[in-house]
């Protein structure tokens, strides 16, 4: 059996923009992570700090994901979802694993 993992694109050092399709970034992806279903917030933080080569004791990271939503006009849009606990990590990964 193959271990299916979610692909998460990581951006930092730029700006989040609110465009016609909702949340976007003004730069290219800096890193791609493959994440397992059931990942905890603490485990995700470990991966992010390692990826960004930051010391956890000296830095704070704020994580936001592009969460897909349907507008009143029945168009796909993306809203910012702050990743701050196990529930928000699960919601982010549910988008991939519920397909």
C-alpha atoms as a PDB file:
ATOM      1  CA  UNK A   1       0.000   0.000   0.000  1.00  0.00           C
ATOM      2  CA  UNK A   2       1.332   3.440  -0.957  1.00  0.00           C
ATOM      3  CA  UNK A   3       1.620   6.130   1.701  1.00  0.00           C
ATOM      4  CA  UNK A   4      -0.272   9.093   0.223  1.00  0.00           C
ATOM      5  CA  UNK A   5       0.966  12.483   1.401  1.00  0.00           C
ATOM      6  CA  UNK A   6      -0.276  16.022   0.860  1.00  0.00           C
ATOM      7  CA  UNK A   7       1.873  18.480  -1.059  1.00  0.00           C
ATOM      8  CA  UNK A   8       2.221  21.850   0.683  1.00  0.00           C
ATOM      9  CA  UNK A   9       3.973  24.775  -0.992  1.00  0.00           C
ATOM     10  CA  UNK A  10       5.859  27.113   1.346  1.00  0.00           C
ATOM     11  CA  UNK A  11       6.380  30.835   0.803  1.00  0.00           C
ATOM     12  CA  UNK A  12       8.151  33.352   3.008  1.00  0.00           C
ATOM     13  CA  UNK A  13       9.776  36.745   2.741  1.00  0.00           C
ATOM     14  CA  UNK A  14       7.088  38.281   0.544  1.00  0.00           C
ATOM     15  CA  UNK A  15       3.548  39.550   0.818  1.00  0.00           C
ATOM     16  CA  UNK A  16       0.111  37.961   0.781  1.00  0.00           C
ATOM     17  CA  UNK A  17      -2.234  39.662  -1.678  1.00  0.00           C
ATOM     18  CA  UNK A  18      -6.028  39.714  -1.962  1.00  0.00           C
ATOM     19  CA  UNK A  19      -6.668  39.321  -5.688  1.00  0.00           C
ATOM     20  CA  UNK A  20      -9.633  38.404  -7.861  1.00  0.00           C
ATOM     21  CA  UNK A  21      -9.293  34.737  -6.826  1.00  0.00           C
ATOM     22  CA  UNK A  22      -8.704  35.526  -3.162  1.00  0.00           C
ATOM     23  CA  UNK A  23      -5.424  34.977  -1.356  1.00  0.00           C
ATOM     24  CA  UNK A  24      -2.254  34.818  -3.442  1.00  0.00           C
ATOM     25  CA  UNK A  25       1.457  35.551  -2.972  1.00  0.00           C
ATOM     26  CA  UNK A  26       3.760  37.993  -4.743  1.00  0.00           C
ATOM     27  CA  UNK A  27       6.575  35.464  -5.184  1.00  0.00           C
ATOM     28  CA  UNK A  28       7.330  31.919  -6.240  1.00  0.00           C
ATOM     29  CA  UNK A  29       7.232  28.935  -3.915  1.00  0.00           C
ATOM     30  CA  UNK A  30      10.463  28.532  -1.927  1.00  0.00           C
ATOM     31  CA  UNK A  31       9.975  24.943  -0.749  1.00  0.00           C
ATOM     32  CA  UNK A  32       7.626  22.019  -1.249  1.00  0.00           C
ATOM     33  CA  UNK A  33       6.806  19.761   1.712  1.00  0.00           C
ATOM     34  CA  UNK A  34       5.119  16.353   1.653  1.00  0.00           C
ATOM     35  CA  UNK A  35       2.940  15.928   4.751  1.00  0.00           C
ATOM     36  CA  UNK A  36       1.201  12.886   6.194  1.00  0.00           C
ATOM     37  CA  UNK A  37      -2.413  12.862   7.261  1.00  0.00           C
ATOM     38  CA  UNK A  38      -2.677  13.161  11.049  1.00  0.00           C
ATOM     39  CA  UNK A  39       0.283  15.541  11.338  1.00  0.00           C
ATOM     40  CA  UNK A  40       0.095  17.652  14.509  1.00  0.00           C
ATOM     41  CA  UNK A  41       0.710  21.388  14.812  1.00  0.00           C
ATOM     42  CA  UNK A  42       3.918  20.749  16.763  1.00  0.00           C
ATOM     43  CA  UNK A  43       5.188  18.334  14.098  1.00  0.00           C
ATOM     44  CA  UNK A  44       4.369  20.852  11.369  1.00  0.00           C
ATOM     45  CA  UNK A  45       6.252  23.578  13.244  1.00  0.00           C
ATOM     46  CA  UNK A  46       9.286  21.275  13.498  1.00  0.00           C
ATOM     47  CA  UNK A  47       9.200  20.750   9.715  1.00  0.00           C
ATOM     48  CA  UNK A  48       8.768  24.477   9.009  1.00  0.00           C
ATOM     49  CA  UNK A  49      11.598  25.575  11.312  1.00  0.00           C
ATOM     50  CA  UNK A  50      13.882  22.950   9.786  1.00  0.00           C
ATOM     51  CA  UNK A  51      12.908  23.931   6.233  1.00  0.00           C
ATOM     52  CA  UNK A  52      13.494  27.628   6.892  1.00  0.00           C
ATOM     53  CA  UNK A  53      16.692  26.880   8.857  1.00  0.00           C
ATOM     54  CA  UNK A  54      15.475  28.837  11.880  1.00  0.00           C
ATOM     55  CA  UNK A  55      16.052  28.248  15.573  1.00  0.00           C
ATOM     56  CA  UNK A  56      12.713  27.627  17.255  1.00  0.00           C
ATOM     57  CA  UNK A  57      13.829  29.308  20.496  1.00  0.00           C
ATOM     58  CA  UNK A  58      14.856  32.513  18.701  1.00  0.00           C
ATOM     59  CA  UNK A  59      12.102  32.909  16.077  1.00  0.00           C
ATOM     60  CA  UNK A  60       8.330  32.845  15.762  1.00  0.00           C
ATOM     61  CA  UNK A  61       6.634  31.653  12.606  1.00  0.00           C
ATOM     62  CA  UNK A  62       3.125  32.642  11.528  1.00  0.00           C
ATOM     63  CA  UNK A  63       1.602  30.159   9.081  1.00  0.00           C
ATOM     64  CA  UNK A  64      -1.309  30.928   6.783  1.00  0.00           C
ATOM     65  CA  UNK A  65      -2.711  28.649   4.101  1.00  0.00           C
ATOM     66  CA  UNK A  66      -4.856  29.309   1.040  1.00  0.00           C
ATOM     67  CA  UNK A  67      -8.137  27.665   1.999  1.00  0.00           C
ATOM     68  CA  UNK A  68     -10.522  27.051  -0.923  1.00  0.00           C
ATOM     69  CA  UNK A  69     -14.068  28.410  -0.662  1.00  0.00           C
ATOM     70  CA  UNK A  70     -16.989  28.902  -3.029  1.00  0.00           C
ATOM     71  CA  UNK A  71     -18.237  32.481  -3.416  1.00  0.00           C
ATOM     72  CA  UNK A  72     -21.885  33.560  -3.685  1.00  0.00           C
ATOM     73  CA  UNK A  73     -21.324  33.627  -7.450  1.00  0.00           C
ATOM     74  CA  UNK A  74     -20.323  29.931  -7.287  1.00  0.00           C
ATOM     75  CA  UNK A  75     -16.685  30.751  -8.104  1.00  0.00           C
ATOM     76  CA  UNK A  76     -13.665  29.148  -6.476  1.00  0.00           C
ATOM     77  CA  UNK A  77     -11.781  31.578  -4.253  1.00  0.00           C
ATOM     78  CA  UNK A  78      -9.117  31.283  -1.570  1.00  0.00           C
ATOM     79  CA  UNK A  79      -9.344  32.755   1.912  1.00  0.00           C
ATOM     80  CA  UNK A  80      -6.516  32.982   4.441  1.00  0.00           C
ATOM     81  CA  UNK A  81      -6.639  30.288   7.143  1.00  0.00           C
ATOM     82  CA  UNK A  82      -4.284  30.924  10.055  1.00  0.00           C
ATOM     83  CA  UNK A  83      -2.541  27.675  11.052  1.00  0.00           C
ATOM     84  CA  UNK A  84      -2.303  27.872  14.831  1.00  0.00           C
ATOM     85  CA  UNK A  85      -3.326  24.494  16.298  1.00  0.00           C
ATOM     86  CA  UNK A  86      -4.038  20.836  15.507  1.00  0.00           C
ATOM     87  CA  UNK A  87      -7.549  21.645  14.221  1.00  0.00           C
ATOM     88  CA  UNK A  88      -6.322  24.182  11.666  1.00  0.00           C
ATOM     89  CA  UNK A  89      -3.603  21.760  10.477  1.00  0.00           C
ATOM     90  CA  UNK A  90      -6.283  19.089  10.056  1.00  0.00           C
ATOM     91  CA  UNK A  91      -8.516  21.520   8.104  1.00  0.00           C
ATOM     92  CA  UNK A  92      -5.602  22.407   5.804  1.00  0.00           C
ATOM     93  CA  UNK A  93      -4.795  18.747   5.131  1.00  0.00           C
ATOM     94  CA  UNK A  94      -8.485  17.791   4.757  1.00  0.00           C
ATOM     95  CA  UNK A  95      -8.559  19.779   1.506  1.00  0.00           C
ATOM     96  CA  UNK A  96      -6.051  17.343   0.017  1.00  0.00           C
ATOM     97  CA  UNK A  97      -7.205  14.101   1.639  1.00  0.00           C
ATOM     98  CA  UNK A  98     -10.939  14.643   1.001  1.00  0.00           C
ATOM     99  CA  UNK A  99     -10.479  14.680  -2.796  1.00  0.00           C
END
